PDB file of N, CA and C in Angstrom:
ATOM      1  N   UNK A   1       3.736  24.671  78.764  1.00  0.00           N
ATOM      2  CA  UNK A   1       4.166  23.326  79.027  1.00  0.00           C
ATOM      3  C   UNK A   1       3.363  22.786  80.210  1.00  0.00           C
ATOM      4  N   UNK A   2       2.631  21.734  79.982  1.00  0.00           N
ATOM      5  CA  UNK A   2       1.837  21.101  81.032  1.00  0.00           C
ATOM      6  C   UNK A   2       2.582  19.872  81.553  1.00  0.00           C
ATOM      7  N   UNK A   3       2.784  19.831  82.847  1.00  0.00           N
ATOM      8  CA  UNK A   3       3.447  18.699  83.490  1.00  0.00           C
ATOM      9  C   UNK A   3       2.498  18.165  84.547  1.00  0.00           C
ATOM     10  N   UNK A   4       2.272  16.839  84.572  1.00  0.00           N
ATOM     11  CA  UNK A   4       1.353  16.300  85.571  1.00  0.00           C
ATOM     12  C   UNK A   4       1.973  16.411  86.967  1.00  0.00           C
ATOM     13  N   UNK A   5       1.165  16.211  87.994  1.00  0.00           N
ATOM     14  CA  UNK A   5       1.588  16.452  89.379  1.00  0.00           C
ATOM     15  C   UNK A   5       2.747  15.542  89.793  1.00  0.00           C
ATOM     16  N   UNK A   6       2.685  14.266  89.421  1.00  0.00           N
ATOM     17  CA  UNK A   6       3.762  13.348  89.807  1.00  0.00           C
ATOM     18  C   UNK A   6       5.072  13.738  89.134  1.00  0.00           C
ATOM     19  N   UNK A   7       5.013  14.121  87.864  1.00  0.00           N
ATOM     20  CA  UNK A   7       6.227  14.524  87.154  1.00  0.00           C
ATOM     21  C   UNK A   7       6.814  15.794  87.767  1.00  0.00           C
ATOM     22  N   UNK A   8       5.980  16.723  88.195  1.00  0.00           N
ATOM     23  CA  UNK A   8       6.458  17.954  88.841  1.00  0.00           C
ATOM     24  C   UNK A   8       7.133  17.621  90.174  1.00  0.00           C
ATOM     25  N   UNK A   9       6.507  16.723  90.950  1.00  0.00           N
ATOM     26  CA  UNK A   9       7.117  16.318  92.222  1.00  0.00           C
ATOM     27  C   UNK A   9       8.432  15.589  91.978  1.00  0.00           C
ATOM     28  N   UNK A  10       8.472  14.759  90.928  1.00  0.00           N
ATOM     29  CA  UNK A  10       9.699  14.051  90.572  1.00  0.00           C
ATOM     30  C   UNK A  10      10.804  15.048  90.247  1.00  0.00           C
ATOM     31  N   UNK A  11      10.480  16.076  89.497  1.00  0.00           N
ATOM     32  CA  UNK A  11      11.445  17.115  89.148  1.00  0.00           C
ATOM     33  C   UNK A  11      12.016  17.755  90.410  1.00  0.00           C
ATOM     34  N   UNK A  12      11.160  18.059  91.364  1.00  0.00           N
ATOM     35  CA  UNK A  12      11.594  18.701  92.604  1.00  0.00           C
ATOM     36  C   UNK A  12      12.424  17.756  93.470  1.00  0.00           C
ATOM     37  N   UNK A  13      12.039  16.474  93.539  1.00  0.00           N
ATOM     38  CA  UNK A  13      12.785  15.503  94.338  1.00  0.00           C
ATOM     39  C   UNK A  13      14.160  15.239  93.726  1.00  0.00           C
ATOM     40  N   UNK A  14      14.221  15.121  92.407  1.00  0.00           N
ATOM     41  CA  UNK A  14      15.513  14.919  91.749  1.00  0.00           C
ATOM     42  C   UNK A  14      16.418  16.117  92.021  1.00  0.00           C
ATOM     43  N   UNK A  15      15.870  17.323  91.988  1.00  0.00           N
ATOM     44  CA  UNK A  15      16.656  18.518  92.290  1.00  0.00           C
ATOM     45  C   UNK A  15      17.189  18.474  93.719  1.00  0.00           C
ATOM     46  N   UNK A  16      16.318  18.170  94.675  1.00  0.00           N
ATOM     47  CA  UNK A  16      16.716  18.165  96.086  1.00  0.00           C
ATOM     48  C   UNK A  16      17.758  17.080  96.368  1.00  0.00           C
ATOM     49  N   UNK A  17      17.534  15.871  95.858  1.00  0.00           N
ATOM     50  CA  UNK A  17      18.479  14.787  96.114  1.00  0.00           C
ATOM     51  C   UNK A  17      19.814  15.024  95.406  1.00  0.00           C
ATOM     52  N   UNK A  18      19.772  15.559  94.208  1.00  0.00           N
ATOM     53  CA  UNK A  18      21.003  15.837  93.473  1.00  0.00           C
ATOM     54  C   UNK A  18      21.822  16.917  94.161  1.00  0.00           C
ATOM     55  N   UNK A  19      21.163  17.909  94.722  1.00  0.00           N
ATOM     56  CA  UNK A  19      21.891  18.983  95.394  1.00  0.00           C
ATOM     57  C   UNK A  19      22.564  18.491  96.662  1.00  0.00           C
ATOM     58  N   UNK A  20      22.070  17.388  97.234  1.00  0.00           N
ATOM     59  CA  UNK A  20      22.705  16.779  98.402  1.00  0.00           C
ATOM     60  C   UNK A  20      23.803  15.808  98.016  1.00  0.00           C
ATOM     61  N   UNK A  21      23.924  15.515  96.734  1.00  0.00           N
ATOM     62  CA  UNK A  21      24.920  14.554  96.283  1.00  0.00           C
ATOM     63  C   UNK A  21      24.484  13.111  96.454  1.00  0.00           C
ATOM     64  N   UNK A  22      23.192  12.890  96.674  1.00  0.00           N
ATOM     65  CA  UNK A  22      22.677  11.532  96.874  1.00  0.00           C
ATOM     66  C   UNK A  22      22.648  10.780  95.541  1.00  0.00           C
ATOM     67  N   UNK A  23      22.851   9.483  95.625  1.00  0.00           N
ATOM     68  CA  UNK A  23      22.738   8.630  94.445  1.00  0.00           C
ATOM     69  C   UNK A  23      21.264   8.409  94.142  1.00  0.00           C
ATOM     70  N   UNK A  24      20.881   8.685  92.909  1.00  0.00           N
ATOM     71  CA  UNK A  24      19.478   8.542  92.523  1.00  0.00           C
ATOM     72  C   UNK A  24      19.252   7.172  91.903  1.00  0.00           C
ATOM     73  N   UNK A  25      18.298   6.461  92.450  1.00  0.00           N
ATOM     74  CA  UNK A  25      17.889   5.178  91.892  1.00  0.00           C
ATOM     75  C   UNK A  25      16.369   5.193  91.787  1.00  0.00           C
ATOM     76  N   UNK A  26      15.855   4.354  90.913  1.00  0.00           N
ATOM     77  CA  UNK A  26      14.394   4.286  90.768  1.00  0.00           C
ATOM     78  C   UNK A  26      13.713   3.826  92.053  1.00  0.00           C
ATOM     79  N   UNK A  27      14.223   2.806  92.768  1.00  0.00           N
ATOM     80  CA  UNK A  27      13.569   2.422  94.028  1.00  0.00           C
ATOM     81  C   UNK A  27      13.556   3.561  95.058  1.00  0.00           C
ATOM     82  N   UNK A  28      14.647   4.318  95.138  1.00  0.00           N
ATOM     83  CA  UNK A  28      14.686   5.450  96.075  1.00  0.00           C
ATOM     84  C   UNK A  28      13.644   6.500  95.689  1.00  0.00           C
ATOM     85  N   UNK A  29      13.520   6.773  94.397  1.00  0.00           N
ATOM     86  CA  UNK A  29      12.521   7.750  93.947  1.00  0.00           C
ATOM     87  C   UNK A  29      11.103   7.242  94.202  1.00  0.00           C
ATOM     88  N   UNK A  30      10.871   5.941  94.003  1.00  0.00           N
ATOM     89  CA  UNK A  30       9.546   5.370  94.281  1.00  0.00           C
ATOM     90  C   UNK A  30       9.169   5.565  95.746  1.00  0.00           C
ATOM     91  N   UNK A  31      10.128   5.317  96.636  1.00  0.00           N
ATOM     92  CA  UNK A  31       9.849   5.494  98.073  1.00  0.00           C
ATOM     93  C   UNK A  31       9.610   6.963  98.412  1.00  0.00           C
ATOM     94  N   UNK A  32      10.436   7.850  97.868  1.00  0.00           N
ATOM     95  CA  UNK A  32      10.296   9.279  98.186  1.00  0.00           C
ATOM     96  C   UNK A  32       8.979   9.855  97.669  1.00  0.00           C
ATOM     97  N   UNK A  33       8.560   9.388  96.509  1.00  0.00           N
ATOM     98  CA  UNK A  33       7.337   9.912  95.888  1.00  0.00           C
ATOM     99  C   UNK A  33       6.103   9.098  96.253  1.00  0.00           C
ATOM    100  N   UNK A  34       6.302   7.956  96.896  1.00  0.00           N
ATOM    101  CA  UNK A  34       5.204   7.041  97.213  1.00  0.00           C
ATOM    102  C   UNK A  34       4.418   6.719  95.941  1.00  0.00           C
ATOM    103  N   UNK A  35       5.166   6.298  94.915  1.00  0.00           N
ATOM    104  CA  UNK A  35       4.569   6.020  93.611  1.00  0.00           C
ATOM    105  C   UNK A  35       4.895   4.590  93.195  1.00  0.00           C
ATOM    106  N   UNK A  36       4.053   4.034  92.358  1.00  0.00           N
ATOM    107  CA  UNK A  36       4.294   2.695  91.823  1.00  0.00           C
ATOM    108  C   UNK A  36       5.344   2.781  90.711  1.00  0.00           C
ATOM    109  N   UNK A  37       5.908   1.636  90.365  1.00  0.00           N
ATOM    110  CA  UNK A  37       6.924   1.589  89.316  1.00  0.00           C
ATOM    111  C   UNK A  37       6.385   2.074  87.972  1.00  0.00           C
ATOM    112  N   UNK A  38       5.195   1.618  87.539  1.00  0.00           N
ATOM    113  CA  UNK A  38       4.692   2.122  86.250  1.00  0.00           C
ATOM    114  C   UNK A  38       4.423   3.635  86.261  1.00  0.00           C
ATOM    115  N   UNK A  39       3.913   4.148  87.377  1.00  0.00           N
ATOM    116  CA  UNK A  39       3.650   5.592  87.457  1.00  0.00           C
ATOM    117  C   UNK A  39       4.952   6.384  87.407  1.00  0.00           C
ATOM    118  N   UNK A  40       5.985   5.895  88.118  1.00  0.00           N
ATOM    119  CA  UNK A  40       7.286   6.566  88.096  1.00  0.00           C
ATOM    120  C   UNK A  40       7.890   6.516  86.699  1.00  0.00           C
ATOM    121  N   UNK A  41       7.807   5.353  86.051  1.00  0.00           N
ATOM    122  CA  UNK A  41       8.345   5.235  84.689  1.00  0.00           C
ATOM    123  C   UNK A  41       7.647   6.190  83.729  1.00  0.00           C
ATOM    124  N   UNK A  42       6.343   6.352  83.895  1.00  0.00           N
ATOM    125  CA  UNK A  42       5.599   7.279  83.039  1.00  0.00           C
ATOM    126  C   UNK A  42       6.034   8.724  83.282  1.00  0.00           C
ATOM    127  N   UNK A  43       6.242   9.087  84.549  1.00  0.00           N
ATOM    128  CA  UNK A  43       6.679  10.451  84.877  1.00  0.00           C
ATOM    129  C   UNK A  43       8.086  10.712  84.338  1.00  0.00           C
ATOM    130  N   UNK A  44       8.972   9.717  84.466  1.00  0.00           N
ATOM    131  CA  UNK A  44      10.337   9.862  83.940  1.00  0.00           C
ATOM    132  C   UNK A  44      10.296  10.013  82.423  1.00  0.00           C
ATOM    133  N   UNK A  45       9.458   9.214  81.760  1.00  0.00           N
ATOM    134  CA  UNK A  45       9.335   9.302  80.298  1.00  0.00           C
ATOM    135  C   UNK A  45       8.787  10.656  79.877  1.00  0.00           C
ATOM    136  N   UNK A  46       7.809  11.179  80.624  1.00  0.00           N
ATOM    137  CA  UNK A  46       7.240  12.485  80.292  1.00  0.00           C
ATOM    138  C   UNK A  46       8.295  13.580  80.403  1.00  0.00           C
ATOM    139  N   UNK A  47       9.059  13.565  81.494  1.00  0.00           N
ATOM    140  CA  UNK A  47      10.096  14.583  81.664  1.00  0.00           C
ATOM    141  C   UNK A  47      11.200  14.426  80.621  1.00  0.00           C
ATOM    142  N   UNK A  48      11.479  13.185  80.235  1.00  0.00           N
ATOM    143  CA  UNK A  48      12.457  12.946  79.178  1.00  0.00           C
ATOM    144  C   UNK A  48      11.995  13.484  77.833  1.00  0.00           C
ATOM    145  N   UNK A  49      10.712  13.273  77.514  1.00  0.00           N
ATOM    146  CA  UNK A  49      10.152  13.789  76.251  1.00  0.00           C
ATOM    147  C   UNK A  49      10.194  15.315  76.205  1.00  0.00           C
ATOM    148  N   UNK A  50       9.988  15.943  77.357  1.00  0.00           N
ATOM    149  CA  UNK A  50      10.000  17.410  77.424  1.00  0.00           C
ATOM    150  C   UNK A  50      11.412  17.982  77.480  1.00  0.00           C
ATOM    151  N   UNK A  51      12.411  17.105  77.605  1.00  0.00           N
ATOM    152  CA  UNK A  51      13.799  17.566  77.656  1.00  0.00           C
ATOM    153  C   UNK A  51      14.201  18.115  79.009  1.00  0.00           C
ATOM    154  N   UNK A  52      13.509  17.706  80.069  1.00  0.00           N
ATOM    155  CA  UNK A  52      13.801  18.221  81.402  1.00  0.00           C
ATOM    156  C   UNK A  52      14.652  17.267  82.230  1.00  0.00           C
ATOM    157  N   UNK A  53      14.712  16.003  81.827  1.00  0.00           N
ATOM    158  CA  UNK A  53      15.406  14.981  82.600  1.00  0.00           C
ATOM    159  C   UNK A  53      16.090  14.003  81.658  1.00  0.00           C
ATOM    160  N   UNK A  54      17.325  13.650  81.974  1.00  0.00           N
ATOM    161  CA  UNK A  54      18.004  12.578  81.262  1.00  0.00           C
ATOM    162  C   UNK A  54      17.539  11.286  81.915  1.00  0.00           C
ATOM    163  N   UNK A  55      16.696  10.542  81.233  1.00  0.00           N
ATOM    164  CA  UNK A  55      16.037   9.368  81.825  1.00  0.00           C
ATOM    165  C   UNK A  55      17.014   8.248  82.160  1.00  0.00           C
ATOM    166  N   UNK A  56      18.083   8.112  81.415  1.00  0.00           N
ATOM    167  CA  UNK A  56      19.036   7.031  81.688  1.00  0.00           C
ATOM    168  C   UNK A  56      19.871   7.318  82.925  1.00  0.00           C
ATOM    169  N   UNK A  57      20.310   8.561  83.083  1.00  0.00           N
ATOM    170  CA  UNK A  57      21.175   8.902  84.218  1.00  0.00           C
ATOM    171  C   UNK A  57      20.399   9.483  85.398  1.00  0.00           C
ATOM    172  N   UNK A  58      19.113   9.731  85.209  1.00  0.00           N
ATOM    173  CA  UNK A  58      18.278  10.370  86.238  1.00  0.00           C
ATOM    174  C   UNK A  58      18.897  11.682  86.709  1.00  0.00           C
ATOM    175  N   UNK A  59      19.243  12.520  85.737  1.00  0.00           N
ATOM    176  CA  UNK A  59      19.825  13.830  86.000  1.00  0.00           C
ATOM    177  C   UNK A  59      19.018  14.890  85.276  1.00  0.00           C
ATOM    178  N   UNK A  60      18.882  16.043  85.913  1.00  0.00           N
ATOM    179  CA  UNK A  60      18.169  17.150  85.289  1.00  0.00           C
ATOM    180  C   UNK A  60      19.007  17.735  84.168  1.00  0.00           C
ATOM    181  N   UNK A  61      18.343  18.159  83.113  1.00  0.00           N
ATOM    182  CA  UNK A  61      19.011  18.945  82.088  1.00  0.00           C
ATOM    183  C   UNK A  61      19.045  20.378  82.588  1.00  0.00           C
ATOM    184  N   UNK A  62      19.723  21.247  81.858  1.00  0.00           N
ATOM    185  CA  UNK A  62      19.774  22.652  82.276  1.00  0.00           C
ATOM    186  C   UNK A  62      18.368  23.250  82.293  1.00  0.00           C
ATOM    187  N   UNK A  63      17.573  22.925  81.296  1.00  0.00           N
ATOM    188  CA  UNK A  63      16.186  23.391  81.256  1.00  0.00           C
ATOM    189  C   UNK A  63      15.393  22.810  82.415  1.00  0.00           C
ATOM    190  N   UNK A  64      15.623  21.534  82.728  1.00  0.00           N
ATOM    191  CA  UNK A  64      14.957  20.900  83.854  1.00  0.00           C
ATOM    192  C   UNK A  64      15.312  21.561  85.169  1.00  0.00           C
ATOM    193  N   UNK A  65      16.562  21.960  85.315  1.00  0.00           N
ATOM    194  CA  UNK A  65      16.999  22.668  86.510  1.00  0.00           C
ATOM    195  C   UNK A  65      16.242  23.983  86.658  1.00  0.00           C
ATOM    196  N   UNK A  66      16.123  24.718  85.561  1.00  0.00           N
ATOM    197  CA  UNK A  66      15.407  25.990  85.599  1.00  0.00           C
ATOM    198  C   UNK A  66      13.931  25.798  85.937  1.00  0.00           C
ATOM    199  N   UNK A  67      13.300  24.796  85.345  1.00  0.00           N
ATOM    200  CA  UNK A  67      11.884  24.530  85.614  1.00  0.00           C
ATOM    201  C   UNK A  67      11.691  24.071  87.056  1.00  0.00           C
ATOM    202  N   UNK A  68      12.598  23.251  87.565  1.00  0.00           N
ATOM    203  CA  UNK A  68      12.500  22.779  88.948  1.00  0.00           C
ATOM    204  C   UNK A  68      12.571  23.945  89.924  1.00  0.00           C
ATOM    205  N   UNK A  69      13.511  24.843  89.722  1.00  0.00           N
ATOM    206  CA  UNK A  69      13.650  25.999  90.617  1.00  0.00           C
ATOM    207  C   UNK A  69      12.446  26.919  90.479  1.00  0.00           C
ATOM    208  N   UNK A  70      11.984  27.121  89.255  1.00  0.00           N
ATOM    209  CA  UNK A  70      10.818  27.987  89.045  1.00  0.00           C
ATOM    210  C   UNK A  70       9.553  27.401  89.663  1.00  0.00           C
ATOM    211  N   UNK A  71       9.485  26.077  89.767  1.00  0.00           N
ATOM    212  CA  UNK A  71       8.290  25.452  90.336  1.00  0.00           C
ATOM    213  C   UNK A  71       8.389  25.284  91.851  1.00  0.00           C
ATOM    214  N   UNK A  72       9.427  25.841  92.448  1.00  0.00           N
ATOM    215  CA  UNK A  72       9.508  25.861  93.902  1.00  0.00           C
ATOM    216  C   UNK A  72      10.411  24.827  94.527  1.00  0.00           C
ATOM    217  N   UNK A  73      11.252  24.158  93.742  1.00  0.00           N
ATOM    218  CA  UNK A  73      12.163  23.164  94.317  1.00  0.00           C
ATOM    219  C   UNK A  73      13.185  23.858  95.196  1.00  0.00           C
ATOM    220  N   UNK A  74      13.503  23.214  96.301  1.00  0.00           N
ATOM    221  CA  UNK A  74      14.492  23.749  97.232  1.00  0.00           C
ATOM    222  C   UNK A  74      15.620  22.737  97.376  1.00  0.00           C
ATOM    223  N   UNK A  75      16.829  23.254  97.524  1.00  0.00           N
ATOM    224  CA  UNK A  75      17.981  22.377  97.743  1.00  0.00           C
ATOM    225  C   UNK A  75      17.857  21.727  99.105  1.00  0.00           C
ATOM    226  N   UNK A  76      18.451  20.552  99.228  1.00  0.00           N
ATOM    227  CA  UNK A  76      18.415  19.832 100.495  1.00  0.00           C
ATOM    228  C   UNK A  76      19.234  20.510 101.568  1.00  0.00           C
ATOM    229  N   UNK A  77      19.248  19.919 102.749  1.00  0.00           N
ATOM    230  CA  UNK A  77      19.928  20.505 103.904  1.00  0.00           C
ATOM    231  C   UNK A  77      21.423  20.668 103.701  1.00  0.00           C
ATOM    232  N   UNK A  78      22.079  19.713 103.057  1.00  0.00           N
ATOM    233  CA  UNK A  78      23.532  19.753 102.931  1.00  0.00           C
ATOM    234  C   UNK A  78      24.044  20.767 101.930  1.00  0.00           C
ATOM    235  N   UNK A  79      23.187  21.299 101.080  1.00  0.00           N
ATOM    236  CA  UNK A  79      23.645  22.175 100.005  1.00  0.00           C
ATOM    237  C   UNK A  79      23.958  23.586 100.482  1.00  0.00           C
ATOM    238  N   UNK A  80      23.460  24.004 101.641  1.00  0.00           N
ATOM    239  CA  UNK A  80      23.673  25.381 102.059  1.00  0.00           C
ATOM    240  C   UNK A  80      25.013  25.588 102.747  1.00  0.00           C
ATOM    241  N   UNK A  81      25.693  24.558 103.192  1.00  0.00           N
ATOM    242  CA  UNK A  81      26.956  24.721 103.903  1.00  0.00           C
ATOM    243  C   UNK A  81      28.048  25.344 103.040  1.00  0.00           C
ATOM    244  N   UNK A  82      28.332  24.834 101.825  1.00  0.00           N
ATOM    245  CA  UNK A  82      29.380  25.462 101.034  1.00  0.00           C
ATOM    246  C   UNK A  82      29.054  26.899 100.659  1.00  0.00           C
ATOM    247  N   UNK A  83      27.798  27.201 100.437  1.00  0.00           N
ATOM    248  CA  UNK A  83      27.400  28.540 100.054  1.00  0.00           C
ATOM    249  C   UNK A  83      27.720  29.543 101.164  1.00  0.00           C
ATOM    250  N   UNK A  84      27.514  29.166 102.415  1.00  0.00           N
ATOM    251  CA  UNK A  84      27.779  30.061 103.532  1.00  0.00           C
ATOM    252  C   UNK A  84      29.267  30.356 103.633  1.00  0.00           C
ATOM    253  N   UNK A  85      30.111  29.370 103.415  1.00  0.00           N
ATOM    254  CA  UNK A  85      31.552  29.575 103.493  1.00  0.00           C
ATOM    255  C   UNK A  85      32.036  30.453 102.338  1.00  0.00           C
ATOM    256  N   UNK A  86      31.436  30.320 101.179  1.00  0.00           N
ATOM    257  CA  UNK A  86      31.864  31.080 100.012  1.00  0.00           C
ATOM    258  C   UNK A  86      31.458  32.541 100.098  1.00  0.00           C
ATOM    259  N   UNK A  87      30.469  32.879 100.924  1.00  0.00           N
ATOM    260  CA  UNK A  87      29.987  34.250 100.977  1.00  0.00           C
ATOM    261  C   UNK A  87      30.813  35.127 101.906  1.00  0.00           C
ATOM    262  N   UNK A  88      31.779  34.569 102.640  1.00  0.00           N
ATOM    263  CA  UNK A  88      32.621  35.363 103.533  1.00  0.00           C
ATOM    264  C   UNK A  88      33.560  36.233 102.719  1.00  0.00           C
ATOM    265  N   UNK A  89      33.644  37.495 103.093  1.00  0.00           N
ATOM    266  CA  UNK A  89      34.527  38.437 102.414  1.00  0.00           C
ATOM    267  C   UNK A  89      35.824  38.510 103.203  1.00  0.00           C
ATOM    268  N   UNK A  90      36.974  38.374 102.547  1.00  0.00           N
ATOM    269  CA  UNK A  90      38.233  38.454 103.283  1.00  0.00           C
ATOM    270  C   UNK A  90      38.457  39.875 103.802  1.00  0.00           C
ATOM    271  N   UNK A  91      39.163  40.029 104.915  1.00  0.00           N
ATOM    272  CA  UNK A  91      39.424  41.372 105.426  1.00  0.00           C
ATOM    273  C   UNK A  91      40.306  42.148 104.463  1.00  0.00           C
ATOM    274  N   UNK A  92      40.241  43.473 104.540  1.00  0.00           N
ATOM    275  CA  UNK A  92      41.001  44.325 103.624  1.00  0.00           C
ATOM    276  C   UNK A  92      42.499  44.072 103.729  1.00  0.00           C
ATOM    277  N   UNK A  93      42.986  43.716 104.920  1.00  0.00           N
ATOM    278  CA  UNK A  93      44.418  43.464 105.092  1.00  0.00           C
ATOM    279  C   UNK A  93      44.869  42.208 104.343  1.00  0.00           C
ATOM    280  N   UNK A  94      43.949  41.325 104.009  1.00  0.00           N
ATOM    281  CA  UNK A  94      44.313  40.096 103.312  1.00  0.00           C
ATOM    282  C   UNK A  94      44.426  40.301 101.805  1.00  0.00           C
ATOM    283  N   UNK A  95      43.907  41.425 101.316  1.00  0.00           N
ATOM    284  CA  UNK A  95      43.955  41.693  99.878  1.00  0.00           C
ATOM    285  C   UNK A  95      45.215  42.496  99.594  1.00  0.00           C
ATOM    286  N   UNK A  96      46.136  41.903  98.868  1.00  0.00           N
ATOM    287  CA  UNK A  96      47.402  42.551  98.544  1.00  0.00           C
ATOM    288  C   UNK A  96      47.547  42.601  97.034  1.00  0.00           C
ATOM    289  N   UNK A  97      48.109  43.692  96.520  1.00  0.00           N
ATOM    290  CA  UNK A  97      48.337  43.737  95.076  1.00  0.00           C
ATOM    291  C   UNK A  97      49.372  42.692  94.694  1.00  0.00           C
ATOM    292  N   UNK A  98      49.300  42.159  93.470  1.00  0.00           N
ATOM    293  CA  UNK A  98      50.232  41.106  93.070  1.00  0.00           C
ATOM    294  C   UNK A  98      51.682  41.592  93.003  1.00  0.00           C
ATOM    295  N   UNK A  99      51.904  42.847  92.589  1.00  0.00           N
ATOM    296  CA  UNK A  99      53.262  43.393  92.558  1.00  0.00           C
ATOM    297  C   UNK A  99      53.219  44.822  93.060  1.00  0.00           C
ATOM    298  N   UNK A 100      54.310  45.296  93.550  1.00  0.00           N
ATOM    299  CA  UNK A 100      54.408  46.691  93.998  1.00  0.00           C
ATOM    300  C   UNK A 100      55.144  47.469  92.918  1.00  0.00           C
ATOM    301  N   UNK A 101      54.496  48.478  92.339  1.00  0.00           N
ATOM    302  CA  UNK A 101      55.118  49.271  91.294  1.00  0.00           C
ATOM    303  C   UNK A 101      56.086  50.300  91.863  1.00  0.00           C
ATOM    304  N   UNK A 102      55.817  50.763  93.071  1.00  0.00           N
ATOM    305  CA  UNK A 102      56.655  51.762  93.705  1.00  0.00           C
ATOM    306  C   UNK A 102      56.976  51.296  95.112  1.00  0.00           C
ATOM    307  N   UNK A 103      58.103  51.707  95.603  1.00  0.00           N
ATOM    308  CA  UNK A 103      58.429  51.378  96.984  1.00  0.00           C
ATOM    309  C   UNK A 103      57.599  52.258  97.903  1.00  0.00           C
ATOM    310  N   UNK A 104      57.515  51.876  99.157  1.00  0.00           N
ATOM    311  CA  UNK A 104      56.731  52.642 100.123  1.00  0.00           C
ATOM    312  C   UNK A 104      57.363  54.008 100.373  1.00  0.00           C
ATOM    313  N   UNK A 105      58.683  54.149 100.191  1.00  0.00           N
ATOM    314  CA  UNK A 105      59.376  55.411 100.471  1.00  0.00           C
ATOM    315  C   UNK A 105      59.340  56.362  99.291  1.00  0.00           C
ATOM    316  N   UNK A 106      59.048  55.872  98.125  1.00  0.00           N
ATOM    317  CA  UNK A 106      59.105  56.706  96.906  1.00  0.00           C
ATOM    318  C   UNK A 106      57.734  57.258  96.590  1.00  0.00           C
ATOM    319  N   UNK A 107      57.670  58.504  96.205  1.00  0.00           N
ATOM    320  CA  UNK A 107      56.409  59.134  95.805  1.00  0.00           C
ATOM    321  C   UNK A 107      55.977  58.574  94.460  1.00  0.00           C
ATOM    322  N   UNK A 108      54.688  58.355  94.244  1.00  0.00           N
ATOM    323  CA  UNK A 108      54.225  57.834  92.954  1.00  0.00           C
ATOM    324  C   UNK A 108      54.556  58.808  91.818  1.00  0.00           C
ATOM    325  N   UNK A 109      54.884  58.304  90.667  1.00  0.00           N
ATOM    326  CA  UNK A 109      55.179  59.129  89.496  1.00  0.00           C
ATOM    327  C   UNK A 109      54.530  58.523  88.270  1.00  0.00           C
ATOM    328  N   UNK A 110      54.423  59.290  87.259  1.00  0.00           N
ATOM    329  CA  UNK A 110      53.817  58.818  86.016  1.00  0.00           C
ATOM    330  C   UNK A 110      54.758  57.814  85.348  1.00  0.00           C
ATOM    331  N   UNK A 111      54.168  56.759  84.805  1.00  0.00           N
ATOM    332  CA  UNK A 111      54.937  55.740  84.125  1.00  0.00           C
ATOM    333  C   UNK A 111      54.491  55.709  82.679  1.00  0.00           C
ATOM    334  N   UNK A 112      55.459  55.796  81.766  1.00  0.00           N
ATOM    335  CA  UNK A 112      55.113  55.803  80.349  1.00  0.00           C
ATOM    336  C   UNK A 112      55.033  54.420  79.789  1.00  0.00           C
TER     337      UNK A 112
END
């Protein structure tokens, strides 16, 4: 799959802005890519033809997401905060079984 340079940059910018939760508009993409309107429209059409971008919503398809990451796209600054909070492991004392099958005073026994 051959993608021209502007379309590849567009793929990466859409990935970065989407990961920040930014609203994507054509004027914003033109400014970020320093591209003219016809050049941006051509890049959007190319990515749409390849099935990498939904041209109407300016959203990556699942395949587009994979290609963007494989081509070196990085998430924006705001995307790493939730990931850091999710990676914390709770202490062992916080993990409790949902029910107690035996009391603490009773020796465990086989249950049929």
